[in-house]
Amino acid sequence: MYKAANSIMLRFGLVRRFLNHVFYQYLSRLDKRGDVILMNYGYQNPDPEASMISMSHKDEDNRYSLQLYHHVASGIDIRGRVYLKWGVGEVAGLLTLSEHLRHSR
């Protein structure tokens, strides 16, 4: 069943976008207290020898989502530059990235 649903989603972009929208709306409604501050796919380095980024205890619940921001932003030198998060939702990931990489906003 999963393989069939996944195949349909991959072939039909409109269906995939609609189902993603419904899924994210459902998840956000479940979060009545507002505990979820980031909602992305997250990132885990496939190299088991790679060191994990350090973060404060309060950020640990969002480790994989924050690692995605870090992985994307650490590929280029953005020190001293102004950058913009383009997307829907809160800017918690960008603010945390600024703290971790110590760049200007």
PDB file of N, CA and C in Angstrom:
ATOM      1  N   MET A   1       0.818  -1.189   0.000  1.00  0.00           N
ATOM      2  CA  MET A   1       0.000   0.000   0.000  1.00  0.00           C
ATOM      3  C   MET A   1       0.865   1.258   0.000  1.00  0.00           C
ATOM      4  N   TYR A   2       1.902   1.263   0.869  1.00  0.00           N
ATOM      5  CA  TYR A   2       2.782   2.425   0.941  1.00  0.00           C
ATOM      6  C   TYR A   2       3.484   2.667  -0.390  1.00  0.00           C
ATOM      7  N   LYS A   3       3.973   1.592  -1.009  1.00  0.00           N
ATOM      8  CA  LYS A   3       4.683   1.743  -2.282  1.00  0.00           C
ATOM      9  C   LYS A   3       3.767   2.309  -3.359  1.00  0.00           C
ATOM     10  N   ALA A   4       2.530   1.883  -3.385  1.00  0.00           N
ATOM     11  CA  ALA A   4       1.579   2.391  -4.377  1.00  0.00           C
ATOM     12  C   ALA A   4       1.294   3.866  -4.135  1.00  0.00           C
ATOM     13  N   ALA A   5       1.079   4.244  -2.888  1.00  0.00           N
ATOM     14  CA  ALA A   5       0.804   5.651  -2.563  1.00  0.00           C
ATOM     15  C   ALA A   5       2.013   6.518  -2.876  1.00  0.00           C
ATOM     16  N   ASN A   6       3.196   6.029  -2.555  1.00  0.00           N
ATOM     17  CA  ASN A   6       4.419   6.776  -2.830  1.00  0.00           C
ATOM     18  C   ASN A   6       4.622   6.946  -4.338  1.00  0.00           C
ATOM     19  N   SER A   7       4.347   5.914  -5.101  1.00  0.00           N
ATOM     20  CA  SER A   7       4.474   5.978  -6.553  1.00  0.00           C
ATOM     21  C   SER A   7       3.537   7.025  -7.149  1.00  0.00           C
ATOM     22  N   ILE A   8       2.321   7.064  -6.655  1.00  0.00           N
ATOM     23  CA  ILE A   8       1.354   8.055  -7.140  1.00  0.00           C
ATOM     24  C   ILE A   8       1.823   9.461  -6.789  1.00  0.00           C
ATOM     25  N   MET A   9       2.303   9.643  -5.562  1.00  0.00           N
ATOM     26  CA  MET A   9       2.751  10.966  -5.139  1.00  0.00           C
ATOM     27  C   MET A   9       3.941  11.447  -5.956  1.00  0.00           C
ATOM     28  N   LEU A  10       4.847  10.553  -6.286  1.00  0.00           N
ATOM     29  CA  LEU A  10       6.016  10.944  -7.064  1.00  0.00           C
ATOM     30  C   LEU A  10       5.651  11.304  -8.499  1.00  0.00           C
ATOM     31  N   ARG A  11       4.663  10.665  -9.045  1.00  0.00           N
ATOM     32  CA  ARG A  11       4.280  10.905 -10.438  1.00  0.00           C
ATOM     33  C   ARG A  11       3.399  12.128 -10.614  1.00  0.00           C
ATOM     34  N   PHE A  12       2.633  12.437  -9.632  1.00  0.00           N
ATOM     35  CA  PHE A  12       1.677  13.527  -9.757  1.00  0.00           C
ATOM     36  C   PHE A  12       1.999  14.616  -8.739  1.00  0.00           C
ATOM     37  N   GLY A  13       2.707  15.643  -9.189  1.00  0.00           N
ATOM     38  CA  GLY A  13       3.145  16.716  -8.304  1.00  0.00           C
ATOM     39  C   GLY A  13       2.004  17.419  -7.605  1.00  0.00           C
ATOM     40  N   LEU A  14       0.899  17.611  -8.307  1.00  0.00           N
ATOM     41  CA  LEU A  14      -0.244  18.291  -7.710  1.00  0.00           C
ATOM     42  C   LEU A  14      -0.822  17.480  -6.555  1.00  0.00           C
ATOM     43  N   VAL A  15      -0.906  16.180  -6.744  1.00  0.00           N
ATOM     44  CA  VAL A  15      -1.397  15.297  -5.673  1.00  0.00           C
ATOM     45  C   VAL A  15      -0.440  15.357  -4.492  1.00  0.00           C
ATOM     46  N   ARG A  16       0.863  15.317  -4.772  1.00  0.00           N
ATOM     47  CA  ARG A  16       1.867  15.360  -3.709  1.00  0.00           C
ATOM     48  C   ARG A  16       1.765  16.662  -2.918  1.00  0.00           C
ATOM     49  N   ARG A  17       1.646  17.775  -3.619  1.00  0.00           N
ATOM     50  CA  ARG A  17       1.536  19.065  -2.921  1.00  0.00           C
ATOM     51  C   ARG A  17       0.278  19.129  -2.066  1.00  0.00           C
ATOM     52  N   PHE A  18      -0.820  18.637  -2.615  1.00  0.00           N
ATOM     53  CA  PHE A  18      -2.070  18.643  -1.854  1.00  0.00           C
ATOM     54  C   PHE A  18      -1.956  17.784  -0.599  1.00  0.00           C
ATOM     55  N   LEU A  19      -1.422  16.575  -0.742  1.00  0.00           N
ATOM     56  CA  LEU A  19      -1.291  15.680   0.410  1.00  0.00           C
ATOM     57  C   LEU A  19      -0.318  16.247   1.446  1.00  0.00           C
ATOM     58  N   ASN A  20       0.767  16.882   0.988  1.00  0.00           N
ATOM     59  CA  ASN A  20       1.688  17.528   1.931  1.00  0.00           C
ATOM     60  C   ASN A  20       0.983  18.646   2.685  1.00  0.00           C
ATOM     61  N   HIS A  21       0.196  19.435   1.976  1.00  0.00           N
ATOM     62  CA  HIS A  21      -0.549  20.525   2.606  1.00  0.00           C
ATOM     63  C   HIS A  21      -1.504  19.977   3.681  1.00  0.00           C
ATOM     64  N   VAL A  22      -2.263  18.955   3.327  1.00  0.00           N
ATOM     65  CA  VAL A  22      -3.204  18.353   4.273  1.00  0.00           C
ATOM     66  C   VAL A  22      -2.455  17.791   5.483  1.00  0.00           C
ATOM     67  N   PHE A  23      -1.337  17.129   5.242  1.00  0.00           N
ATOM     68  CA  PHE A  23      -0.549  16.538   6.319  1.00  0.00           C
ATOM     69  C   PHE A  23      -0.015  17.615   7.268  1.00  0.00           C
ATOM     70  N   TYR A  24       0.548  18.685   6.733  1.00  0.00           N
ATOM     71  CA  TYR A  24       1.086  19.750   7.573  1.00  0.00           C
ATOM     72  C   TYR A  24      -0.027  20.474   8.352  1.00  0.00           C
ATOM     73  N   GLN A  25      -1.165  20.666   7.718  1.00  0.00           N
ATOM     74  CA  GLN A  25      -2.295  21.277   8.427  1.00  0.00           C
ATOM     75  C   GLN A  25      -2.746  20.386   9.582  1.00  0.00           C
ATOM     76  N   TYR A  26      -2.787  19.095   9.328  1.00  0.00           N
ATOM     77  CA  TYR A  26      -3.173  18.131  10.363  1.00  0.00           C
ATOM     78  C   TYR A  26      -2.177  18.183  11.528  1.00  0.00           C
ATOM     79  N   LEU A  27      -0.894  18.152  11.221  1.00  0.00           N
ATOM     80  CA  LEU A  27       0.124  18.193  12.273  1.00  0.00           C
ATOM     81  C   LEU A  27       0.055  19.489  13.077  1.00  0.00           C
ATOM     82  N   SER A  28      -0.150  20.605  12.394  1.00  0.00           N
ATOM     83  CA  SER A  28      -0.189  21.870  13.119  1.00  0.00           C
ATOM     84  C   SER A  28      -1.415  21.958  14.027  1.00  0.00           C
ATOM     85  N   ARG A  29      -2.501  21.321  13.654  1.00  0.00           N
ATOM     86  CA  ARG A  29      -3.686  21.306  14.520  1.00  0.00           C
ATOM     87  C   ARG A  29      -3.487  20.417  15.750  1.00  0.00           C
ATOM     88  N   LEU A  30      -2.667  19.399  15.609  1.00  0.00           N
ATOM     89  CA  LEU A  30      -2.367  18.531  16.753  1.00  0.00           C
ATOM     90  C   LEU A  30      -1.548  19.258  17.820  1.00  0.00           C
ATOM     91  N   ASP A  31      -0.789  20.258  17.401  1.00  0.00           N
ATOM     92  CA  ASP A  31       0.113  20.982  18.295  1.00  0.00           C
ATOM     93  C   ASP A  31      -0.620  22.135  18.960  1.00  0.00           C
ATOM     94  N   LYS A  32      -1.498  21.832  19.877  1.00  0.00           N
ATOM     95  CA  LYS A  32      -2.344  22.834  20.531  1.00  0.00           C
ATOM     96  C   LYS A  32      -1.552  23.829  21.384  1.00  0.00           C
ATOM     97  N   ARG A  33      -0.441  23.371  21.969  1.00  0.00           N
ATOM     98  CA  ARG A  33       0.347  24.242  22.843  1.00  0.00           C
ATOM     99  C   ARG A  33       1.411  25.038  22.094  1.00  0.00           C
ATOM    100  N   GLY A  34       1.595  24.766  20.835  1.00  0.00           N
ATOM    101  CA  GLY A  34       2.607  25.494  20.062  1.00  0.00           C
ATOM    102  C   GLY A  34       4.027  25.036  20.342  1.00  0.00           C
ATOM    103  N   ASP A  35       4.198  23.756  20.669  1.00  0.00           N
ATOM    104  CA  ASP A  35       5.526  23.222  20.966  1.00  0.00           C
ATOM    105  C   ASP A  35       6.389  23.070  19.716  1.00  0.00           C
ATOM    106  N   VAL A  36       5.772  22.828  18.586  1.00  0.00           N
ATOM    107  CA  VAL A  36       6.517  22.609  17.346  1.00  0.00           C
ATOM    108  C   VAL A  36       6.855  23.970  16.745  1.00  0.00           C
ATOM    109  N   ILE A  37       8.159  24.281  16.677  1.00  0.00           N
ATOM    110  CA  ILE A  37       8.555  25.567  16.115  1.00  0.00           C
ATOM    111  C   ILE A  37       9.133  25.425  14.713  1.00  0.00           C
ATOM    112  N   LEU A  38       9.500  24.217  14.332  1.00  0.00           N
ATOM    113  CA  LEU A  38      10.043  23.959  13.000  1.00  0.00           C
ATOM    114  C   LEU A  38       9.345  22.749  12.406  1.00  0.00           C
ATOM    115  N   MET A  39       9.020  22.838  11.131  1.00  0.00           N
ATOM    116  CA  MET A  39       8.369  21.716  10.480  1.00  0.00           C
ATOM    117  C   MET A  39       8.999  21.530   9.093  1.00  0.00           C
ATOM    118  N   ASN A  40      10.134  20.850   9.073  1.00  0.00           N
ATOM    119  CA  ASN A  40      10.765  20.503   7.806  1.00  0.00           C
ATOM    120  C   ASN A  40      11.189  19.039   7.874  1.00  0.00           C
ATOM    121  N   TYR A  41      11.767  18.554   6.819  1.00  0.00           N
ATOM    122  CA  TYR A  41      12.119  17.137   6.774  1.00  0.00           C
ATOM    123  C   TYR A  41      13.316  16.793   7.646  1.00  0.00           C
ATOM    124  N   GLY A  42      14.139  17.757   7.964  1.00  0.00           N
ATOM    125  CA  GLY A  42      15.292  17.503   8.807  1.00  0.00           C
ATOM    126  C   GLY A  42      16.463  16.936   8.026  1.00  0.00           C
ATOM    127  N   TYR A  43      17.597  16.786   8.706  1.00  0.00           N
ATOM    128  CA  TYR A  43      18.807  16.267   8.080  1.00  0.00           C
ATOM    129  C   TYR A  43      19.617  15.496   9.101  1.00  0.00           C
ATOM    130  N   GLN A  44      20.115  14.356   8.677  1.00  0.00           N
ATOM    131  CA  GLN A  44      21.056  13.559   9.460  1.00  0.00           C
ATOM    132  C   GLN A  44      22.226  13.247   8.551  1.00  0.00           C
ATOM    133  N   ASN A  45      23.419  13.602   8.961  1.00  0.00           N
ATOM    134  CA  ASN A  45      24.604  13.328   8.153  1.00  0.00           C
ATOM    135  C   ASN A  45      24.745  11.822   7.965  1.00  0.00           C
ATOM    136  N   PRO A  46      24.877  11.369   6.716  1.00  0.00           N
ATOM    137  CA  PRO A  46      24.991   9.922   6.480  1.00  0.00           C
ATOM    138  C   PRO A  46      26.323   9.338   6.948  1.00  0.00           C
ATOM    139  N   ASP A  47      27.301  10.185   7.185  1.00  0.00           N
ATOM    140  CA  ASP A  47      28.608   9.724   7.643  1.00  0.00           C
ATOM    141  C   ASP A  47      28.567   9.517   9.158  1.00  0.00           C
ATOM    142  N   PRO A  48      28.686   8.274   9.619  1.00  0.00           N
ATOM    143  CA  PRO A  48      28.605   8.028  11.069  1.00  0.00           C
ATOM    144  C   PRO A  48      29.771   8.640  11.842  1.00  0.00           C
ATOM    145  N   GLU A  49      30.867   8.976  11.157  1.00  0.00           N
ATOM    146  CA  GLU A  49      32.034   9.556  11.821  1.00  0.00           C
ATOM    147  C   GLU A  49      31.922  11.081  11.951  1.00  0.00           C
ATOM    148  N   ALA A  50      30.957  11.680  11.275  1.00  0.00           N
ATOM    149  CA  ALA A  50      30.813  13.140  11.304  1.00  0.00           C
ATOM    150  C   ALA A  50      30.372  13.592  12.690  1.00  0.00           C
ATOM    151  N   SER A  51      30.925  14.709  13.113  1.00  0.00           N
ATOM    152  CA  SER A  51      30.531  15.224  14.424  1.00  0.00           C
ATOM    153  C   SER A  51      29.187  15.942  14.307  1.00  0.00           C
ATOM    154  N   MET A  52      28.422  15.866  15.358  1.00  0.00           N
ATOM    155  CA  MET A  52      27.121  16.527  15.378  1.00  0.00           C
ATOM    156  C   MET A  52      27.330  17.986  15.775  1.00  0.00           C
ATOM    157  N   ILE A  53      26.481  18.859  15.264  1.00  0.00           N
ATOM    158  CA  ILE A  53      26.608  20.263  15.641  1.00  0.00           C
ATOM    159  C   ILE A  53      26.209  20.413  17.099  1.00  0.00           C
ATOM    160  N   SER A  54      26.883  21.318  17.778  1.00  0.00           N
ATOM    161  CA  SER A  54      26.552  21.529  19.190  1.00  0.00           C
ATOM    162  C   SER A  54      25.378  22.496  19.272  1.00  0.00           C
ATOM    163  N   MET A  55      24.528  22.253  20.226  1.00  0.00           N
ATOM    164  CA  MET A  55      23.382  23.138  20.431  1.00  0.00           C
ATOM    165  C   MET A  55      22.952  23.080  21.881  1.00  0.00           C
ATOM    166  N   SER A  56      22.204  24.084  22.276  1.00  0.00           N
ATOM    167  CA  SER A  56      21.752  24.155  23.657  1.00  0.00           C
ATOM    168  C   SER A  56      20.690  23.081  23.919  1.00  0.00           C
ATOM    169  N   HIS A  57      20.480  22.812  25.163  1.00  0.00           N
ATOM    170  CA  HIS A  57      19.509  21.790  25.560  1.00  0.00           C
ATOM    171  C   HIS A  57      18.110  22.121  25.048  1.00  0.00           C
ATOM    172  N   LYS A  58      17.754  23.409  25.026  1.00  0.00           N
ATOM    173  CA  LYS A  58      16.415  23.817  24.577  1.00  0.00           C
ATOM    174  C   LYS A  58      16.198  23.548  23.085  1.00  0.00           C
ATOM    175  N   ASP A  59      17.279  23.435  22.309  1.00  0.00           N
ATOM    176  CA  ASP A  59      17.161  23.196  20.871  1.00  0.00           C
ATOM    177  C   ASP A  59      17.188  21.715  20.492  1.00  0.00           C
ATOM    178  N   GLU A  60      17.491  20.843  21.451  1.00  0.00           N
ATOM    179  CA  GLU A  60      17.646  19.412  21.145  1.00  0.00           C
ATOM    180  C   GLU A  60      16.397  18.777  20.534  1.00  0.00           C
ATOM    181  N   ASP A  61      15.215  19.210  20.946  1.00  0.00           N
ATOM    182  CA  ASP A  61      13.991  18.637  20.389  1.00  0.00           C
ATOM    183  C   ASP A  61      13.855  18.925  18.894  1.00  0.00           C
ATOM    184  N   ASN A  62      14.540  19.937  18.426  1.00  0.00           N
ATOM    185  CA  ASN A  62      14.479  20.328  17.011  1.00  0.00           C
ATOM    186  C   ASN A  62      15.786  20.053  16.277  1.00  0.00           C
ATOM    187  N   ARG A  63      16.586  19.131  16.817  1.00  0.00           N
ATOM    188  CA  ARG A  63      17.923  18.881  16.277  1.00  0.00           C
ATOM    189  C   ARG A  63      17.914  18.620  14.769  1.00  0.00           C
ATOM    190  N   TYR A  64      17.100  17.715  14.286  1.00  0.00           N
ATOM    191  CA  TYR A  64      17.158  17.348  12.872  1.00  0.00           C
ATOM    192  C   TYR A  64      16.713  18.490  11.966  1.00  0.00           C
ATOM    193  N   SER A  65      15.710  19.234  12.376  1.00  0.00           N
ATOM    194  CA  SER A  65      15.283  20.390  11.592  1.00  0.00           C
ATOM    195  C   SER A  65      16.370  21.451  11.557  1.00  0.00           C
ATOM    196  N   LEU A  66      17.015  21.705  12.690  1.00  0.00           N
ATOM    197  CA  LEU A  66      18.084  22.701  12.743  1.00  0.00           C
ATOM    198  C   LEU A  66      19.314  22.236  11.979  1.00  0.00           C
ATOM    199  N   GLN A  67      19.573  20.935  11.989  1.00  0.00           N
ATOM    200  CA  GLN A  67      20.705  20.422  11.217  1.00  0.00           C
ATOM    201  C   GLN A  67      20.496  20.633   9.722  1.00  0.00           C
ATOM    202  N   LEU A  68      19.255  20.622   9.260  1.00  0.00           N
ATOM    203  CA  LEU A  68      18.989  20.902   7.853  1.00  0.00           C
ATOM    204  C   LEU A  68      19.379  22.334   7.520  1.00  0.00           C
ATOM    205  N   TYR A  69      18.981  23.294   8.352  1.00  0.00           N
ATOM    206  CA  TYR A  69      19.383  24.691   8.139  1.00  0.00           C
ATOM    207  C   TYR A  69      20.904  24.799   8.129  1.00  0.00           C
ATOM    208  N   HIS A  70      21.549  24.167   9.101  1.00  0.00           N
ATOM    209  CA  HIS A  70      23.007  24.235   9.209  1.00  0.00           C
ATOM    210  C   HIS A  70      23.681  23.616   7.993  1.00  0.00           C
ATOM    211  N   HIS A  71      23.194  22.480   7.548  1.00  0.00           N
ATOM    212  CA  HIS A  71      23.787  21.793   6.398  1.00  0.00           C
ATOM    213  C   HIS A  71      23.725  22.663   5.143  1.00  0.00           C
ATOM    214  N   VAL A  72      22.596  23.291   4.914  1.00  0.00           N
ATOM    215  CA  VAL A  72      22.430  24.138   3.732  1.00  0.00           C
ATOM    216  C   VAL A  72      23.295  25.390   3.834  1.00  0.00           C
ATOM    217  N   ALA A  73      23.279  26.050   4.982  1.00  0.00           N
ATOM    218  CA  ALA A  73      23.982  27.323   5.129  1.00  0.00           C
ATOM    219  C   ALA A  73      25.487  27.173   5.272  1.00  0.00           C
ATOM    220  N   SER A  74      25.956  26.040   5.749  1.00  0.00           N
ATOM    221  CA  SER A  74      27.396  25.899   5.958  1.00  0.00           C
ATOM    222  C   SER A  74      28.131  25.549   4.661  1.00  0.00           C
ATOM    223  N   GLY A  75      27.402  25.340   3.584  1.00  0.00           N
ATOM    224  CA  GLY A  75      28.035  25.032   2.300  1.00  0.00           C
ATOM    225  C   GLY A  75      28.674  26.240   1.637  1.00  0.00           C
ATOM    226  N   ILE A  76      28.318  27.446   2.080  1.00  0.00           N
ATOM    227  CA  ILE A  76      28.891  28.667   1.517  1.00  0.00           C
ATOM    228  C   ILE A  76      29.250  29.615   2.653  1.00  0.00           C
ATOM    229  N   ASP A  77      30.092  30.570   2.364  1.00  0.00           N
ATOM    230  CA  ASP A  77      30.479  31.551   3.371  1.00  0.00           C
ATOM    231  C   ASP A  77      29.483  32.702   3.348  1.00  0.00           C
ATOM    232  N   ILE A  78      28.699  32.824   4.414  1.00  0.00           N
ATOM    233  CA  ILE A  78      27.704  33.895   4.474  1.00  0.00           C
ATOM    234  C   ILE A  78      28.025  34.890   5.584  1.00  0.00           C
ATOM    235  N   ARG A  79      29.245  34.847   6.084  1.00  0.00           N
ATOM    236  CA  ARG A  79      29.636  35.790   7.137  1.00  0.00           C
ATOM    237  C   ARG A  79      29.537  37.220   6.631  1.00  0.00           C
ATOM    238  N   GLY A  80      28.965  38.069   7.454  1.00  0.00           N
ATOM    239  CA  GLY A  80      28.867  39.482   7.124  1.00  0.00           C
ATOM    240  C   GLY A  80      27.819  39.815   6.076  1.00  0.00           C
ATOM    241  N   ARG A  81      27.037  38.839   5.690  1.00  0.00           N
ATOM    242  CA  ARG A  81      26.005  39.072   4.682  1.00  0.00           C
ATOM    243  C   ARG A  81      24.630  39.112   5.331  1.00  0.00           C
ATOM    244  N   VAL A  82      23.732  39.761   4.659  1.00  0.00           N
ATOM    245  CA  VAL A  82      22.338  39.778   5.082  1.00  0.00           C
ATOM    246  C   VAL A  82      21.641  38.675   4.310  1.00  0.00           C
ATOM    247  N   TYR A  83      20.845  37.856   4.967  1.00  0.00           N
ATOM    248  CA  TYR A  83      20.167  36.774   4.278  1.00  0.00           C
ATOM    249  C   TYR A  83      18.708  36.737   4.675  1.00  0.00           C
ATOM    250  N   LEU A  84      17.943  36.081   3.845  1.00  0.00           N
ATOM    251  CA  LEU A  84      16.497  36.068   3.967  1.00  0.00           C
ATOM    252  C   LEU A  84      15.990  34.638   3.923  1.00  0.00           C
ATOM    253  N   LYS A  85      15.115  34.297   4.840  1.00  0.00           N
ATOM    254  CA  LYS A  85      14.442  32.992   4.803  1.00  0.00           C
ATOM    255  C   LYS A  85      13.186  33.169   3.971  1.00  0.00           C
ATOM    256  N   TRP A  86      13.086  32.409   2.923  1.00  0.00           N
ATOM    257  CA  TRP A  86      11.933  32.478   2.037  1.00  0.00           C
ATOM    258  C   TRP A  86      11.086  31.242   2.282  1.00  0.00           C
ATOM    259  N   GLY A  87       9.883  31.437   2.737  1.00  0.00           N
ATOM    260  CA  GLY A  87       9.012  30.300   2.969  1.00  0.00           C
ATOM    261  C   GLY A  87       7.872  30.677   3.890  1.00  0.00           C
ATOM    262  N   VAL A  88       7.151  29.679   4.277  1.00  0.00           N
ATOM    263  CA  VAL A  88       5.985  29.868   5.119  1.00  0.00           C
ATOM    264  C   VAL A  88       6.338  29.431   6.526  1.00  0.00           C
ATOM    265  N   GLY A  89       5.865  30.155   7.488  1.00  0.00           N
ATOM    266  CA  GLY A  89       6.067  29.725   8.859  1.00  0.00           C
ATOM    267  C   GLY A  89       6.942  30.673   9.640  1.00  0.00           C
ATOM    268  N   GLU A  90       7.327  30.208  10.799  1.00  0.00           N
ATOM    269  CA  GLU A  90       8.108  31.034  11.697  1.00  0.00           C
ATOM    270  C   GLU A  90       9.570  31.076  11.270  1.00  0.00           C
ATOM    271  N   VAL A  91      10.295  32.016  11.828  1.00  0.00           N
ATOM    272  CA  VAL A  91      11.699  32.188  11.471  1.00  0.00           C
ATOM    273  C   VAL A  91      12.624  31.569  12.510  1.00  0.00           C
ATOM    274  N   ALA A  92      12.108  30.639  13.289  1.00  0.00           N
ATOM    275  CA  ALA A  92      12.899  30.045  14.366  1.00  0.00           C
ATOM    276  C   ALA A  92      14.171  29.387  13.845  1.00  0.00           C
ATOM    277  N   GLY A  93      14.095  28.722  12.715  1.00  0.00           N
ATOM    278  CA  GLY A  93      15.275  28.072  12.154  1.00  0.00           C
ATOM    279  C   GLY A  93      16.345  29.067  11.766  1.00  0.00           C
ATOM    280  N   LEU A  94      15.942  30.157  11.166  1.00  0.00           N
ATOM    281  CA  LEU A  94      16.891  31.190  10.760  1.00  0.00           C
ATOM    282  C   LEU A  94      17.523  31.862  11.970  1.00  0.00           C
ATOM    283  N   LEU A  95      16.733  32.133  12.983  1.00  0.00           N
ATOM    284  CA  LEU A  95      17.276  32.756  14.185  1.00  0.00           C
ATOM    285  C   LEU A  95      18.267  31.831  14.875  1.00  0.00           C
ATOM    286  N   THR A  96      17.943  30.566  14.950  1.00  0.00           N
ATOM    287  CA  THR A  96      18.854  29.608  15.570  1.00  0.00           C
ATOM    288  C   THR A  96      20.112  29.455  14.746  1.00  0.00           C
ATOM    289  N   LEU A  97      19.968  29.468  13.433  1.00  0.00           N
ATOM    290  CA  LEU A  97      21.130  29.399  12.552  1.00  0.00           C
ATOM    291  C   LEU A  97      22.047  30.592  12.813  1.00  0.00           C
ATOM    292  N   SER A  98      21.464  31.771  12.976  1.00  0.00           N
ATOM    293  CA  SER A  98      22.260  32.964  13.272  1.00  0.00           C
ATOM    294  C   SER A  98      23.030  32.795  14.578  1.00  0.00           C
ATOM    295  N   GLU A  99      22.396  32.198  15.554  1.00  0.00           N
ATOM    296  CA  GLU A  99      23.067  31.962  16.836  1.00  0.00           C
ATOM    297  C   GLU A  99      24.215  30.979  16.673  1.00  0.00           C
ATOM    298  N   HIS A 100      23.974  29.906  15.935  1.00  0.00           N
ATOM    299  CA  HIS A 100      24.979  28.844  15.804  1.00  0.00           C
ATOM    300  C   HIS A 100      26.138  29.242  14.923  1.00  0.00           C
ATOM    301  N   LEU A 101      25.875  29.922  13.842  1.00  0.00           N
ATOM    302  CA  LEU A 101      26.951  30.285  12.918  1.00  0.00           C
ATOM    303  C   LEU A 101      27.474  31.702  13.168  1.00  0.00           C
ATOM    304  N   ARG A 102      26.802  32.425  14.048  1.00  0.00           N
ATOM    305  CA  ARG A 102      27.180  33.779  14.422  1.00  0.00           C
ATOM    306  C   ARG A 102      27.356  34.694  13.216  1.00  0.00           C
ATOM    307  N   HIS A 103      26.331  34.710  12.383  1.00  0.00           N
ATOM    308  CA  HIS A 103      26.322  35.584  11.211  1.00  0.00           C
ATOM    309  C   HIS A 103      25.350  36.722  11.462  1.00  0.00           C
ATOM    310  N   SER A 104      25.446  37.757  10.637  1.00  0.00           N
ATOM    311  CA  SER A 104      24.489  38.856  10.757  1.00  0.00           C
ATOM    312  C   SER A 104      23.182  38.461  10.112  1.00  0.00           C
ATOM    313  N   ARG A 105      22.096  39.062  10.554  1.00  0.00           N
ATOM    314  CA  ARG A 105      20.789  38.792   9.960  1.00  0.00           C
ATOM    315  C   ARG A 105      20.479  39.847   8.951  1.00  0.00           C
TER     316      ARG A 105
END
